[in-house]
Every structure is written in C-alpha cells, then in structure tokens.
Amino acid sequence: MQLVDTHVHICFDSFQDDLDLVAQRWREAGVIRLVHSCVEPKEFGKFQAIADRFPEVSFAVGLHPLDVDQWTPALGEEIRRLAQSDRRVVAIGETGLDFFKSDQI
C-alpha cells in the first residue's frame, strides 16, 4: 500500500539530527508523499531546503491560526509569490481553526 501523509512538520528541530533515519522510516512504511505544513513564515527557506533533499516532500505555505496577529498584506503577498513560484507548493496552510490549542480564535 502506498501512503500520503498530508500534514507533517519535519522542519521541527527535533527531527533535524536524524532526518535521514526519519526518511528511511517513512519510506519503509510505504509513505510516498509528504506535505509539510508551514507553522511560521520564517520556515519557508528551511522547508524548501528539506524538499530539495527529499523529492517526496512537498509543502503548504501559510500562517498558523494562533499567529493571526502576525498577518500583514506583505506576508499575504509573500505566501502568494511562493505558492506561484515553487512547484512543490501544493496547498495554502497551515490554516484552520485550532480549537485544540485555543478557544480564543
């Protein structure tokens, strides 16, 4: 069976020391595609570099709902530009109503 994980956070620091082993495990489990979901806009370059290393990784660009106070028109344009300029961007995200962490959204 081939699997697609549509919401991963492999850019987190906790994965960086053994990212090659993490990749080996997802491949052994039959995962053929991963979509890294952006948590912070400053990650854009970091997850592009990871997608360069692992061709099965694509990503979603956006702003986490708990960080809505950081939204600016310039950030919206940056997200749009990246989504239009990198073929590995497959979605706009991280978006949504994260009531799991906050009921104040």
PDB file of N, CA and C in Angstrom:
ATOM      1  N   MET A   1       0.837  -1.179   0.000  1.00  0.00           N
ATOM      2  CA  MET A   1       0.000   0.000   0.000  1.00  0.00           C
ATOM      3  C   MET A   1       0.882   1.242   0.000  1.00  0.00           C
ATOM      4  N   GLN A   2       0.519   2.219  -0.824  1.00  0.00           N
ATOM      5  CA  GLN A   2       1.223   3.488  -0.858  1.00  0.00           C
ATOM      6  C   GLN A   2       0.431   4.513  -0.052  1.00  0.00           C
ATOM      7  N   LEU A   3       1.154   5.285   0.742  1.00  0.00           N
ATOM      8  CA  LEU A   3       0.517   6.245   1.640  1.00  0.00           C
ATOM      9  C   LEU A   3       1.000   7.660   1.353  1.00  0.00           C
ATOM     10  N   VAL A   4       0.124   8.628   1.610  1.00  0.00           N
ATOM     11  CA  VAL A   4       0.463  10.044   1.540  1.00  0.00           C
ATOM     12  C   VAL A   4       0.122  10.653   2.893  1.00  0.00           C
ATOM     13  N   ASP A   5       1.108  11.293   3.521  1.00  0.00           N
ATOM     14  CA  ASP A   5       0.863  11.993   4.784  1.00  0.00           C
ATOM     15  C   ASP A   5       0.665  13.465   4.443  1.00  0.00           C
ATOM     16  N   THR A   6      -0.529  13.965   4.662  1.00  0.00           N
ATOM     17  CA  THR A   6      -0.885  15.309   4.209  1.00  0.00           C
ATOM     18  C   THR A   6      -0.634  16.407   5.231  1.00  0.00           C
ATOM     19  N   HIS A   7      -0.031  16.068   6.364  1.00  0.00           N
ATOM     20  CA  HIS A   7       0.216  17.108   7.367  1.00  0.00           C
ATOM     21  C   HIS A   7       1.374  16.674   8.258  1.00  0.00           C
ATOM     22  N   VAL A   8       2.582  17.068   7.863  1.00  0.00           N
ATOM     23  CA  VAL A   8       3.765  16.742   8.660  1.00  0.00           C
ATOM     24  C   VAL A   8       4.486  18.034   9.026  1.00  0.00           C
ATOM     25  N   HIS A   9       5.351  17.924  10.020  1.00  0.00           N
ATOM     26  CA  HIS A   9       6.173  19.053  10.457  1.00  0.00           C
ATOM     27  C   HIS A   9       7.615  18.577  10.590  1.00  0.00           C
ATOM     28  N   ILE A  10       8.195  18.126   9.489  1.00  0.00           N
ATOM     29  CA  ILE A  10       9.552  17.579   9.546  1.00  0.00           C
ATOM     30  C   ILE A  10      10.619  18.659   9.660  1.00  0.00           C
ATOM     31  N   CYS A  11      10.244  19.918   9.619  1.00  0.00           N
ATOM     32  CA  CYS A  11      11.212  21.002   9.826  1.00  0.00           C
ATOM     33  C   CYS A  11      11.475  21.273  11.298  1.00  0.00           C
ATOM     34  N   PHE A  12      10.676  20.690  12.166  1.00  0.00           N
ATOM     35  CA  PHE A  12      10.890  20.919  13.591  1.00  0.00           C
ATOM     36  C   PHE A  12      12.301  20.480  13.983  1.00  0.00           C
ATOM     37  N   ASP A  13      12.900  21.223  14.893  1.00  0.00           N
ATOM     38  CA  ASP A  13      14.267  20.935  15.327  1.00  0.00           C
ATOM     39  C   ASP A  13      14.433  19.507  15.821  1.00  0.00           C
ATOM     40  N   SER A  14      13.410  18.948  16.419  1.00  0.00           N
ATOM     41  CA  SER A  14      13.521  17.600  16.991  1.00  0.00           C
ATOM     42  C   SER A  14      13.788  16.529  15.934  1.00  0.00           C
ATOM     43  N   PHE A  15      13.568  16.823  14.664  1.00  0.00           N
ATOM     44  CA  PHE A  15      13.818  15.842  13.602  1.00  0.00           C
ATOM     45  C   PHE A  15      15.148  16.055  12.887  1.00  0.00           C
ATOM     46  N   GLN A  16      15.790  17.183  13.090  1.00  0.00           N
ATOM     47  CA  GLN A  16      16.927  17.543  12.253  1.00  0.00           C
ATOM     48  C   GLN A  16      18.157  16.670  12.457  1.00  0.00           C
ATOM     49  N   ASP A  17      18.389  16.191  13.666  1.00  0.00           N
ATOM     50  CA  ASP A  17      19.580  15.373  13.911  1.00  0.00           C
ATOM     51  C   ASP A  17      19.510  14.010  13.250  1.00  0.00           C
ATOM     52  N   ASP A  18      18.309  13.506  13.020  1.00  0.00           N
ATOM     53  CA  ASP A  18      18.186  12.173  12.418  1.00  0.00           C
ATOM     54  C   ASP A  18      17.182  12.156  11.266  1.00  0.00           C
ATOM     55  N   LEU A  19      17.149  13.233  10.495  1.00  0.00           N
ATOM     56  CA  LEU A  19      16.166  13.340   9.420  1.00  0.00           C
ATOM     57  C   LEU A  19      16.326  12.235   8.378  1.00  0.00           C
ATOM     58  N   ASP A  20      17.546  11.816   8.120  1.00  0.00           N
ATOM     59  CA  ASP A  20      17.736  10.712   7.170  1.00  0.00           C
ATOM     60  C   ASP A  20      17.108   9.426   7.691  1.00  0.00           C
ATOM     61  N   LEU A  21      17.197   9.183   8.993  1.00  0.00           N
ATOM     62  CA  LEU A  21      16.553   7.997   9.577  1.00  0.00           C
ATOM     63  C   LEU A  21      15.035   8.133   9.564  1.00  0.00           C
ATOM     64  N   VAL A  22      14.547   9.342   9.796  1.00  0.00           N
ATOM     65  CA  VAL A  22      13.104   9.582   9.711  1.00  0.00           C
ATOM     66  C   VAL A  22      12.627   9.284   8.290  1.00  0.00           C
ATOM     67  N   ALA A  23      13.385   9.745   7.300  1.00  0.00           N
ATOM     68  CA  ALA A  23      13.031   9.481   5.900  1.00  0.00           C
ATOM     69  C   ALA A  23      13.048   7.983   5.610  1.00  0.00           C
ATOM     70  N   GLN A  24      14.038   7.300   6.128  1.00  0.00           N
ATOM     71  CA  GLN A  24      14.095   5.847   5.939  1.00  0.00           C
ATOM     72  C   GLN A  24      12.854   5.181   6.521  1.00  0.00           C
ATOM     73  N   ARG A  25      12.412   5.623   7.686  1.00  0.00           N
ATOM     74  CA  ARG A  25      11.224   5.028   8.316  1.00  0.00           C
ATOM     75  C   ARG A  25       9.958   5.313   7.515  1.00  0.00           C
ATOM     76  N   TRP A  26       9.796   6.542   7.000  1.00  0.00           N
ATOM     77  CA  TRP A  26       8.573   6.802   6.235  1.00  0.00           C
ATOM     78  C   TRP A  26       8.569   5.994   4.945  1.00  0.00           C
ATOM     79  N   ARG A  27       9.753   5.829   4.340  1.00  0.00           N
ATOM     80  CA  ARG A  27       9.819   5.019   3.114  1.00  0.00           C
ATOM     81  C   ARG A  27       9.516   3.554   3.400  1.00  0.00           C
ATOM     82  N   GLU A  28      10.075   3.034   4.479  1.00  0.00           N
ATOM     83  CA  GLU A  28       9.803   1.640   4.853  1.00  0.00           C
ATOM     84  C   GLU A  28       8.325   1.418   5.169  1.00  0.00           C
ATOM     85  N   ALA A  29       7.650   2.451   5.654  1.00  0.00           N
ATOM     86  CA  ALA A  29       6.226   2.342   5.985  1.00  0.00           C
ATOM     87  C   ALA A  29       5.331   2.488   4.753  1.00  0.00           C
ATOM     88  N   GLY A  30       5.929   2.792   3.599  1.00  0.00           N
ATOM     89  CA  GLY A  30       5.148   2.919   2.375  1.00  0.00           C
ATOM     90  C   GLY A  30       4.661   4.319   2.077  1.00  0.00           C
ATOM     91  N   VAL A  31       5.196   5.322   2.790  1.00  0.00           N
ATOM     92  CA  VAL A  31       4.801   6.709   2.536  1.00  0.00           C
ATOM     93  C   VAL A  31       5.560   7.197   1.303  1.00  0.00           C
ATOM     94  N   ILE A  32       4.805   7.572   0.270  1.00  0.00           N
ATOM     95  CA  ILE A  32       5.416   8.001  -0.990  1.00  0.00           C
ATOM     96  C   ILE A  32       5.379   9.513  -1.184  1.00  0.00           C
ATOM     97  N   ARG A  33       4.591  10.213  -0.394  1.00  0.00           N
ATOM     98  CA  ARG A  33       4.488  11.666  -0.494  1.00  0.00           C
ATOM     99  C   ARG A  33       4.181  12.228   0.882  1.00  0.00           C
ATOM    100  N   LEU A  34       4.836  13.345   1.221  1.00  0.00           N
ATOM    101  CA  LEU A  34       4.577  14.056   2.470  1.00  0.00           C
ATOM    102  C   LEU A  34       4.322  15.514   2.134  1.00  0.00           C
ATOM    103  N   VAL A  35       3.383  16.113   2.829  1.00  0.00           N
ATOM    104  CA  VAL A  35       3.119  17.539   2.675  1.00  0.00           C
ATOM    105  C   VAL A  35       3.468  18.203   4.001  1.00  0.00           C
ATOM    106  N   HIS A  36       4.574  18.949   3.980  1.00  0.00           N
ATOM    107  CA  HIS A  36       4.975  19.679   5.184  1.00  0.00           C
ATOM    108  C   HIS A  36       4.084  20.902   5.308  1.00  0.00           C
ATOM    109  N   SER A  37       3.505  21.076   6.467  1.00  0.00           N
ATOM    110  CA  SER A  37       2.608  22.198   6.711  1.00  0.00           C
ATOM    111  C   SER A  37       3.356  23.294   7.464  1.00  0.00           C
ATOM    112  N   CYS A  38       3.391  24.465   6.872  1.00  0.00           N
ATOM    113  CA  CYS A  38       4.101  25.598   7.454  1.00  0.00           C
ATOM    114  C   CYS A  38       3.483  26.000   8.793  1.00  0.00           C
ATOM    115  N   VAL A  39       4.328  26.266   9.759  1.00  0.00           N
ATOM    116  CA  VAL A  39       3.872  26.773  11.051  1.00  0.00           C
ATOM    117  C   VAL A  39       4.238  28.247  11.194  1.00  0.00           C
ATOM    118  N   GLU A  40       5.393  28.633  10.695  1.00  0.00           N
ATOM    119  CA  GLU A  40       5.859  30.011  10.799  1.00  0.00           C
ATOM    120  C   GLU A  40       6.421  30.453   9.455  1.00  0.00           C
ATOM    121  N   PRO A  41       6.112  31.659   9.036  1.00  0.00           N
ATOM    122  CA  PRO A  41       6.616  32.133   7.748  1.00  0.00           C
ATOM    123  C   PRO A  41       8.138  32.077   7.627  1.00  0.00           C
ATOM    124  N   LYS A  42       8.854  32.231   8.729  1.00  0.00           N
ATOM    125  CA  LYS A  42      10.316  32.199   8.645  1.00  0.00           C
ATOM    126  C   LYS A  42      10.845  30.826   8.239  1.00  0.00           C
ATOM    127  N   GLU A  43       9.992  29.801   8.230  1.00  0.00           N
ATOM    128  CA  GLU A  43      10.405  28.452   7.830  1.00  0.00           C
ATOM    129  C   GLU A  43      10.491  28.248   6.326  1.00  0.00           C
ATOM    130  N   PHE A  44       9.981  29.161   5.526  1.00  0.00           N
ATOM    131  CA  PHE A  44       9.871  28.919   4.099  1.00  0.00           C
ATOM    132  C   PHE A  44      11.169  28.373   3.495  1.00  0.00           C
ATOM    133  N   GLY A  45      12.268  29.061   3.717  1.00  0.00           N
ATOM    134  CA  GLY A  45      13.547  28.620   3.158  1.00  0.00           C
ATOM    135  C   GLY A  45      13.992  27.283   3.713  1.00  0.00           C
ATOM    136  N   LYS A  46      13.734  27.062   4.986  1.00  0.00           N
ATOM    137  CA  LYS A  46      14.129  25.802   5.628  1.00  0.00           C
ATOM    138  C   LYS A  46      13.404  24.617   5.005  1.00  0.00           C
ATOM    139  N   PHE A  47      12.092  24.735   4.777  1.00  0.00           N
ATOM    140  CA  PHE A  47      11.430  23.571   4.210  1.00  0.00           C
ATOM    141  C   PHE A  47      11.654  23.434   2.724  1.00  0.00           C
ATOM    142  N   GLN A  48      12.021  24.499   2.041  1.00  0.00           N
ATOM    143  CA  GLN A  48      12.445  24.351   0.651  1.00  0.00           C
ATOM    144  C   GLN A  48      13.733  23.531   0.589  1.00  0.00           C
ATOM    145  N   ALA A  49      14.646  23.776   1.521  1.00  0.00           N
ATOM    146  CA  ALA A  49      15.895  23.011   1.553  1.00  0.00           C
ATOM    147  C   ALA A  49      15.631  21.537   1.836  1.00  0.00           C
ATOM    148  N   ILE A  50      14.692  21.247   2.723  1.00  0.00           N
ATOM    149  CA  ILE A  50      14.353  19.848   3.004  1.00  0.00           C
ATOM    150  C   ILE A  50      13.714  19.205   1.778  1.00  0.00           C
ATOM    151  N   ALA A  51      12.842  19.937   1.091  1.00  0.00           N
ATOM    152  CA  ALA A  51      12.230  19.398  -0.126  1.00  0.00           C
ATOM    153  C   ALA A  51      13.282  19.178  -1.211  1.00  0.00           C
ATOM    154  N   ASP A  52      14.353  19.964  -1.215  1.00  0.00           N
ATOM    155  CA  ASP A  52      15.453  19.720  -2.148  1.00  0.00           C
ATOM    156  C   ASP A  52      16.125  18.381  -1.853  1.00  0.00           C
ATOM    157  N   ARG A  53      16.236  18.040  -0.584  1.00  0.00           N
ATOM    158  CA  ARG A  53      16.877  16.778  -0.174  1.00  0.00           C
ATOM    159  C   ARG A  53      15.997  15.566  -0.396  1.00  0.00           C
ATOM    160  N   PHE A  54      14.695  15.737  -0.217  1.00  0.00           N
ATOM    161  CA  PHE A  54      13.764  14.611  -0.261  1.00  0.00           C
ATOM    162  C   PHE A  54      12.679  14.910  -1.300  1.00  0.00           C
ATOM    163  N   PRO A  55      12.791  14.337  -2.494  1.00  0.00           N
ATOM    164  CA  PRO A  55      11.853  14.679  -3.569  1.00  0.00           C
ATOM    165  C   PRO A  55      10.405  14.311  -3.283  1.00  0.00           C
ATOM    166  N   GLU A  56      10.155  13.454  -2.309  1.00  0.00           N
ATOM    167  CA  GLU A  56       8.776  13.085  -1.976  1.00  0.00           C
ATOM    168  C   GLU A  56       8.095  14.112  -1.064  1.00  0.00           C
ATOM    169  N   VAL A  57       8.834  15.148  -0.677  1.00  0.00           N
ATOM    170  CA  VAL A  57       8.282  16.178   0.205  1.00  0.00           C
ATOM    171  C   VAL A  57       7.806  17.372  -0.623  1.00  0.00           C
ATOM    172  N   SER A  58       6.564  17.741  -0.416  1.00  0.00           N
ATOM    173  CA  SER A  58       6.035  18.994  -0.938  1.00  0.00           C
ATOM    174  C   SER A  58       5.552  19.786   0.277  1.00  0.00           C
ATOM    175  N   PHE A  59       4.978  20.951   0.058  1.00  0.00           N
ATOM    176  CA  PHE A  59       4.601  21.715   1.229  1.00  0.00           C
ATOM    177  C   PHE A  59       3.434  22.652   0.993  1.00  0.00           C
ATOM    178  N   ALA A  60       2.855  23.045   2.113  1.00  0.00           N
ATOM    179  CA  ALA A  60       1.806  24.052   2.162  1.00  0.00           C
ATOM    180  C   ALA A  60       2.410  25.296   2.802  1.00  0.00           C
ATOM    181  N   VAL A  61       2.094  26.447   2.279  1.00  0.00           N
ATOM    182  CA  VAL A  61       2.598  27.698   2.849  1.00  0.00           C
ATOM    183  C   VAL A  61       1.439  28.490   3.433  1.00  0.00           C
ATOM    184  N   GLY A  62       1.687  29.121   4.550  1.00  0.00           N
ATOM    185  CA  GLY A  62       0.638  29.902   5.194  1.00  0.00           C
ATOM    186  C   GLY A  62       1.063  30.356   6.570  1.00  0.00           C
ATOM    187  N   LEU A  63       0.087  30.678   7.372  1.00  0.00           N
ATOM    188  CA  LEU A  63       0.325  31.177   8.723  1.00  0.00           C
ATOM    189  C   LEU A  63      -0.581  30.413   9.677  1.00  0.00           C
ATOM    190  N   HIS A  64      -0.006  29.942  10.769  1.00  0.00           N
ATOM    191  CA  HIS A  64      -0.790  29.194  11.757  1.00  0.00           C
ATOM    192  C   HIS A  64      -1.869  30.104  12.342  1.00  0.00           C
ATOM    193  N   PRO A  65      -3.061  29.568  12.566  1.00  0.00           N
ATOM    194  CA  PRO A  65      -4.150  30.405  13.091  1.00  0.00           C
ATOM    195  C   PRO A  65      -3.852  31.046  14.443  1.00  0.00           C
ATOM    196  N   LEU A  66      -2.993  30.453  15.236  1.00  0.00           N
ATOM    197  CA  LEU A  66      -2.648  31.067  16.523  1.00  0.00           C
ATOM    198  C   LEU A  66      -1.734  32.279  16.357  1.00  0.00           C
ATOM    199  N   ASP A  67      -1.185  32.449  15.147  1.00  0.00           N
ATOM    200  CA  ASP A  67      -0.305  33.577  14.864  1.00  0.00           C
ATOM    201  C   ASP A  67      -0.975  34.627  13.988  1.00  0.00           C
ATOM    202  N   VAL A  68      -2.286  34.647  13.985  1.00  0.00           N
ATOM    203  CA  VAL A  68      -3.024  35.561  13.114  1.00  0.00           C
ATOM    204  C   VAL A  68      -2.641  37.021  13.357  1.00  0.00           C
ATOM    205  N   ASP A  69      -2.177  37.347  14.551  1.00  0.00           N
ATOM    206  CA  ASP A  69      -1.774  38.726  14.840  1.00  0.00           C
ATOM    207  C   ASP A  69      -0.527  39.140  14.055  1.00  0.00           C
ATOM    208  N   GLN A  70       0.172  38.187  13.453  1.00  0.00           N
ATOM    209  CA  GLN A  70       1.354  38.481  12.644  1.00  0.00           C
ATOM    210  C   GLN A  70       1.006  38.755  11.177  1.00  0.00           C
ATOM    211  N   TRP A  71      -0.268  38.570  10.810  1.00  0.00           N
ATOM    212  CA  TRP A  71      -0.665  38.729   9.414  1.00  0.00           C
ATOM    213  C   TRP A  71      -0.493  40.172   8.951  1.00  0.00           C
ATOM    214  N   THR A  72       0.105  40.330   7.778  1.00  0.00           N
ATOM    215  CA  THR A  72       0.220  41.628   7.124  1.00  0.00           C
ATOM    216  C   THR A  72      -0.061  41.423   5.638  1.00  0.00           C
ATOM    217  N   PRO A  73      -0.427  42.476   4.936  1.00  0.00           N
ATOM    218  CA  PRO A  73      -0.580  42.341   3.486  1.00  0.00           C
ATOM    219  C   PRO A  73       0.709  41.858   2.813  1.00  0.00           C
ATOM    220  N   ALA A  74       1.851  42.303   3.323  1.00  0.00           N
ATOM    221  CA  ALA A  74       3.126  41.864   2.750  1.00  0.00           C
ATOM    222  C   ALA A  74       3.317  40.359   2.922  1.00  0.00           C
ATOM    223  N   LEU A  75       2.926  39.826   4.067  1.00  0.00           N
ATOM    224  CA  LEU A  75       3.026  38.383   4.282  1.00  0.00           C
ATOM    225  C   LEU A  75       2.105  37.641   3.314  1.00  0.00           C
ATOM    226  N   GLY A  76       0.908  38.167   3.113  1.00  0.00           N
ATOM    227  CA  GLY A  76      -0.001  37.563   2.145  1.00  0.00           C
ATOM    228  C   GLY A  76       0.607  37.523   0.755  1.00  0.00           C
ATOM    229  N   GLU A  77       1.268  38.592   0.369  1.00  0.00           N
ATOM    230  CA  GLU A  77       1.935  38.626  -0.936  1.00  0.00           C
ATOM    231  C   GLU A  77       3.099  37.644  -0.991  1.00  0.00           C
ATOM    232  N   GLU A  78       3.841  37.530   0.113  1.00  0.00           N
ATOM    233  CA  GLU A  78       4.947  36.570   0.151  1.00  0.00           C
ATOM    234  C   GLU A  78       4.426  35.145  -0.019  1.00  0.00           C
ATOM    235  N   ILE A  79       3.356  34.818   0.660  1.00  0.00           N
ATOM    236  CA  ILE A  79       2.758  33.488   0.542  1.00  0.00           C
ATOM    237  C   ILE A  79       2.290  33.251  -0.892  1.00  0.00           C
ATOM    238  N   ARG A  80       1.629  34.226  -1.473  1.00  0.00           N
ATOM    239  CA  ARG A  80       1.168  34.108  -2.858  1.00  0.00           C
ATOM    240  C   ARG A  80       2.348  33.907  -3.815  1.00  0.00           C
ATOM    241  N   ARG A  81       3.395  34.705  -3.639  1.00  0.00           N
ATOM    242  CA  ARG A  81       4.568  34.609  -4.511  1.00  0.00           C
ATOM    243  C   ARG A  81       5.193  33.225  -4.427  1.00  0.00           C
ATOM    244  N   LEU A  82       5.374  32.735  -3.206  1.00  0.00           N
ATOM    245  CA  LEU A  82       5.986  31.427  -3.038  1.00  0.00           C
ATOM    246  C   LEU A  82       5.104  30.332  -3.637  1.00  0.00           C
ATOM    247  N   ALA A  83       3.811  30.416  -3.404  1.00  0.00           N
ATOM    248  CA  ALA A  83       2.893  29.404  -3.934  1.00  0.00           C
ATOM    249  C   ALA A  83       2.915  29.378  -5.457  1.00  0.00           C
ATOM    250  N   GLN A  84       3.121  30.518  -6.069  1.00  0.00           N
ATOM    251  CA  GLN A  84       3.127  30.584  -7.527  1.00  0.00           C
ATOM    252  C   GLN A  84       4.486  30.275  -8.132  1.00  0.00           C
ATOM    253  N   SER A  85       5.542  30.349  -7.328  1.00  0.00           N
ATOM    254  CA  SER A  85       6.881  30.221  -7.902  1.00  0.00           C
ATOM    255  C   SER A  85       7.554  28.883  -7.635  1.00  0.00           C
ATOM    256  N   ASP A  86       7.004  28.083  -6.749  1.00  0.00           N
ATOM    257  CA  ASP A  86       7.639  26.802  -6.418  1.00  0.00           C
ATOM    258  C   ASP A  86       6.634  25.686  -6.665  1.00  0.00           C
ATOM    259  N   ARG A  87       6.955  24.800  -7.588  1.00  0.00           N
ATOM    260  CA  ARG A  87       6.028  23.728  -7.977  1.00  0.00           C
ATOM    261  C   ARG A  87       5.730  22.769  -6.837  1.00  0.00           C
ATOM    262  N   ARG A  88       6.552  22.788  -5.786  1.00  0.00           N
ATOM    263  CA  ARG A  88       6.336  21.879  -4.654  1.00  0.00           C
ATOM    264  C   ARG A  88       5.283  22.386  -3.678  1.00  0.00           C
ATOM    265  N   VAL A  89       4.847  23.624  -3.842  1.00  0.00           N
ATOM    266  CA  VAL A  89       3.748  24.136  -3.014  1.00  0.00           C
ATOM    267  C   VAL A  89       2.455  23.554  -3.570  1.00  0.00           C
ATOM    268  N   VAL A  90       1.784  22.755  -2.740  1.00  0.00           N
ATOM    269  CA  VAL A  90       0.570  22.070  -3.186  1.00  0.00           C
ATOM    270  C   VAL A  90      -0.678  22.561  -2.459  1.00  0.00           C
ATOM    271  N   ALA A  91      -0.501  23.460  -1.494  1.00  0.00           N
ATOM    272  CA  ALA A  91      -1.650  23.938  -0.728  1.00  0.00           C
ATOM    273  C   ALA A  91      -1.285  25.226  -0.002  1.00  0.00           C
ATOM    274  N   ILE A  92      -2.319  25.934   0.423  1.00  0.00           N
ATOM    275  CA  ILE A  92      -2.150  27.065   1.324  1.00  0.00           C
ATOM    276  C   ILE A  92      -2.509  26.561   2.720  1.00  0.00           C
ATOM    277  N   GLY A  93      -1.604  26.685   3.655  1.00  0.00           N
ATOM    278  CA  GLY A  93      -1.804  26.204   5.018  1.00  0.00           C
ATOM    279  C   GLY A  93      -0.546  26.522   5.802  1.00  0.00           C
ATOM    280  N   GLU A  94      -0.432  26.530   6.993  1.00  0.00           N
ATOM    281  CA  GLU A  94      -1.322  25.947   7.965  1.00  0.00           C
ATOM    282  C   GLU A  94      -2.454  26.929   8.223  1.00  0.00           C
ATOM    283  N   THR A  95      -3.636  26.483   8.001  1.00  0.00           N
ATOM    284  CA  THR A  95      -4.802  27.326   8.213  1.00  0.00           C
ATOM    285  C   THR A  95      -5.846  26.526   8.967  1.00  0.00           C
ATOM    286  N   GLY A  96      -6.834  27.206   9.445  1.00  0.00           N
ATOM    287  CA  GLY A  96      -7.911  26.496  10.122  1.00  0.00           C
ATOM    288  C   GLY A  96      -8.202  27.098  11.477  1.00  0.00           C
ATOM    289  N   LEU A  97      -9.082  26.473  12.164  1.00  0.00           N
ATOM    290  CA  LEU A  97      -9.477  26.914  13.497  1.00  0.00           C
ATOM    291  C   LEU A  97      -8.952  25.900  14.495  1.00  0.00           C
ATOM    292  N   ASP A  98      -7.864  26.225  15.130  1.00  0.00           N
ATOM    293  CA  ASP A  98      -7.165  25.292  16.011  1.00  0.00           C
ATOM    294  C   ASP A  98      -7.734  25.373  17.425  1.00  0.00           C
ATOM    295  N   PHE A  99      -8.965  24.927  17.588  1.00  0.00           N
ATOM    296  CA  PHE A  99      -9.607  24.972  18.900  1.00  0.00           C
ATOM    297  C   PHE A  99      -8.969  24.001  19.883  1.00  0.00           C
ATOM    298  N   PHE A 100      -8.176  23.059  19.379  1.00  0.00           N
ATOM    299  CA  PHE A 100      -7.473  22.132  20.254  1.00  0.00           C
ATOM    300  C   PHE A 100      -6.527  22.886  21.181  1.00  0.00           C
ATOM    301  N   LYS A 101      -5.884  23.929  20.657  1.00  0.00           N
ATOM    302  CA  LYS A 101      -4.915  24.688  21.447  1.00  0.00           C
ATOM    303  C   LYS A 101      -5.470  25.983  22.013  1.00  0.00           C
ATOM    304  N   SER A 102      -6.520  26.511  21.391  1.00  0.00           N
ATOM    305  CA  SER A 102      -7.053  27.786  21.866  1.00  0.00           C
ATOM    306  C   SER A 102      -8.525  27.896  21.509  1.00  0.00           C
ATOM    307  N   ASP A 103      -9.318  28.289  22.466  1.00  0.00           N
ATOM    308  CA  ASP A 103     -10.726  28.543  22.170  1.00  0.00           C
ATOM    309  C   ASP A 103     -10.964  30.037  21.935  1.00  0.00           C
ATOM    310  N   GLN A 104      -9.868  30.790  21.771  1.00  0.00           N
ATOM    311  CA  GLN A 104      -9.954  32.234  21.582  1.00  0.00           C
ATOM    312  C   GLN A 104      -9.798  32.651  20.127  1.00  0.00           C
ATOM    313  N   ILE A 105      -9.789  31.706  19.227  1.00  0.00           N
ATOM    314  CA  ILE A 105      -9.589  32.029  17.808  1.00  0.00           C
ATOM    315  C   ILE A 105     -10.851  32.647  17.250  1.00  0.00           C
TER     316      ILE A 105
END
